[in-house]
Protein backbone atom coordinates (compact mmCIF):
# COMPACT_ATOMS: atom_id res chain seq x y z
CA MET A 1 2.36 -10.88 -11.64
CA SER A 2 6.06 -10.17 -10.19
CA GLY A 3 5.43 -7.01 -7.82
CA VAL A 4 2.62 -4.95 -6.23
CA TYR A 5 2.75 -2.00 -4.03
CA LEU A 6 0.48 -2.79 -0.99
CA ASP A 7 -1.28 0.04 0.35
CA THR A 8 -2.47 0.48 3.86
CA SER A 9 -6.18 0.14 3.03
CA ALA A 10 -5.58 -3.36 1.65
CA LEU A 11 -3.76 -4.96 4.41
CA ALA A 12 -5.92 -3.21 7.00
CA ARG A 13 -9.09 -4.74 5.54
CA VAL A 14 -7.74 -8.16 6.08
CA MET A 15 -6.12 -7.59 9.55
CA LEU A 16 -9.58 -6.01 10.66
CA GLY A 17 -11.27 -9.37 8.87
CA GLU A 18 -13.36 -7.31 6.52
CA PRO A 19 -15.36 -9.51 3.86
CA ASP A 20 -13.10 -8.87 1.17
CA GLY A 21 -10.07 -9.94 3.36
CA PRO A 22 -9.88 -13.65 1.96
CA ALA A 23 -10.10 -12.28 -1.79
CA ILE A 24 -7.04 -9.86 -0.76
CA LEU A 25 -4.99 -12.70 0.35
CA THR A 26 -5.85 -14.95 -2.42
CA ALA A 27 -4.64 -11.90 -4.83
CA LEU A 28 -1.54 -11.48 -2.84
CA ASP A 29 -0.66 -15.27 -3.08
CA ALA A 30 -0.52 -14.69 -6.91
CA VAL A 31 2.03 -12.04 -6.58
CA ASP A 32 5.98 -12.99 -6.20
CA THR A 33 6.77 -9.81 -4.31
CA ILE A 34 4.88 -7.61 -1.90
CA VAL A 35 6.14 -3.95 -1.49
CA SER A 36 5.66 -1.13 0.53
CA SER A 37 6.89 1.96 2.21
CA ARG A 38 7.92 1.89 5.83
CA LEU A 39 4.44 4.20 6.23
CA LEU A 40 2.58 0.66 5.71
CA ASP A 41 3.87 -0.25 9.27
CA VAL A 42 3.15 3.03 11.17
CA GLU A 43 -0.42 3.26 9.67
CA LEU A 44 -1.09 -0.45 10.41
CA ARG A 45 0.11 0.01 14.06
CA ARG A 46 -2.10 3.03 14.35
CA VAL A 47 -5.08 0.88 13.15
CA ALA A 48 -4.19 -1.62 15.85
CA LEU A 49 -3.74 0.81 18.36
CA ARG A 50 -7.36 1.93 17.83
CA GLU A 51 -9.00 -1.44 17.22
CA LYS A 52 -7.13 -2.92 20.40
CA ILE A 53 -5.32 -5.42 18.29
CA ASP A 54 -2.25 -7.14 19.35
CA GLY A 55 0.91 -5.52 17.89
CA ASP A 56 2.16 -8.98 17.22
CA VAL A 57 -0.50 -9.78 14.79
CA VAL A 58 0.81 -6.59 12.62
CA SER A 59 4.28 -7.89 13.06
CA ARG A 60 2.88 -11.05 11.43
CA TRP A 61 1.10 -9.64 8.54
CA LEU A 62 4.19 -7.17 7.95
CA ALA A 63 6.59 -10.29 7.87
CA ALA A 64 5.40 -11.05 4.28
CA VAL A 65 5.80 -7.55 3.04
CA ALA A 66 9.37 -5.85 1.99
CA LEU A 67 9.09 -2.45 3.66
CA VAL A 68 11.53 0.43 1.72
CA PRO A 69 12.52 3.50 3.44
CA VAL A 70 10.84 6.55 2.60
CA GLU A 71 14.01 8.54 1.61
CA GLN A 72 14.08 12.54 1.86
CA ARG A 73 13.74 12.50 -2.11
CA LEU A 74 10.45 10.64 -1.96
CA LEU A 75 9.24 12.95 0.78
CA ASP A 76 9.95 16.01 -1.38
CA ALA A 77 8.22 14.49 -4.41
CA ALA A 78 5.49 13.49 -2.39
CA GLY A 79 5.23 17.43 -1.34
CA ARG A 80 4.90 18.41 -5.00
CA ILE A 81 2.94 15.48 -6.90
CA GLY A 82 -0.36 16.09 -8.56
CA PRO A 83 -3.12 16.09 -8.40
CA ASN A 84 -3.82 18.59 -5.68
CA THR A 85 -6.68 16.38 -4.20
CA VAL A 86 -3.83 13.75 -3.11
CA THR A 87 -3.49 13.74 0.65
CA THR A 88 -0.34 13.61 2.48
CA LEU A 89 -0.21 10.02 3.64
CA ASP A 90 -1.58 8.65 0.23
CA ALA A 91 1.05 11.27 -1.59
CA ILE A 92 3.93 9.60 0.32
CA HIS A 93 2.35 5.94 -1.01
CA LEU A 94 1.86 7.28 -4.44
CA VAL A 95 5.77 8.41 -4.97
CA CYS A 96 6.78 5.23 -3.33
CA ALA A 97 4.90 3.16 -5.66
CA ILE A 98 5.81 5.24 -8.95
CA ASP A 99 9.73 5.16 -7.87
CA LEU A 100 9.26 1.44 -7.70
CA ALA A 101 7.48 1.17 -10.84
CA GLU A 102 9.98 2.97 -12.63
CA ALA A 103 12.92 0.91 -11.25
CA GLY A 104 10.69 -2.37 -12.50
CA LEU A 105 10.16 -3.89 -8.98
CA ILE A 106 6.47 -3.59 -9.28
CA GLY A 107 3.81 -3.98 -11.75
CA ALA A 108 0.53 -2.56 -10.04
CA VAL A 109 -0.69 -0.97 -6.66
CA MET A 110 -3.29 -2.56 -4.51
CA THR A 111 -5.57 -0.17 -3.04
CA PHE A 112 -8.90 0.23 -1.58
CA ASP A 113 -8.70 4.19 -1.37
CA ASN A 114 -10.40 5.08 -4.28
CA ARG A 115 -9.16 8.48 -4.44
CA LEU A 116 -5.69 6.89 -4.24
CA ALA A 117 -6.75 4.43 -7.08
CA ASP A 118 -7.78 7.40 -8.94
CA ASP A 119 -4.48 9.14 -8.52
CA ALA A 120 -2.11 5.99 -9.28
CA ARG A 121 -4.40 5.41 -12.42
CA SER A 122 -3.68 9.30 -13.45
CA HIS A 123 0.27 8.69 -12.99
CA GLY A 124 -0.15 5.33 -14.98
CA LEU A 125 -0.06 2.54 -12.66
CA GLU A 126 -2.39 -0.49 -12.91
CA VAL A 127 -4.62 -0.61 -9.49
CA LEU A 128 -5.77 -3.84 -8.20
CA ALA A 129 -8.70 -4.09 -5.66
CA PRO A 130 -10.05 -7.78 -5.60
CA PRO A 131 -13.57 -8.16 -5.07
CA ALA A 132 -14.95 -9.85 -2.11
C-alpha cells in the first residue's frame, strides 16, 4: 500500500506494549508512507505523560511518521463534518485523512477507535486495524 493515515489509537497501542503492537508494526512495515496530523504528536505526548513514558520514546516513534500541519481550513471543516457523533479530536483526524486521500497521498486509515473507523468508512475511506 502506498500511504496510510495513522490515528493515535494505533501508535499508542504500540508505544504502550499492547498485544496487537507487533501486528501493527508488521502492517506499517508494508506501507510506503505513514502520515498523520500534528495532532498525533500532541496526543502521544499526553499519553506518555500519563503513563510516565520518556518523551524521547515518543520522538523515536514519531520519526517514521510524516506529520502534516492542521491548517485553519481543516479545523473549519472539522467543526462541520458529520456524523454528529464524531468527537472533536477524531473530527480533526478525519478531515485530515479525507484531505490527504483526496490529494492521493493515502489509501487508508489505520485506527483502533471503532467510532472513528465507522466514520472514516462512511466518508469512503478504507480502514486498517490489524488483528493481534
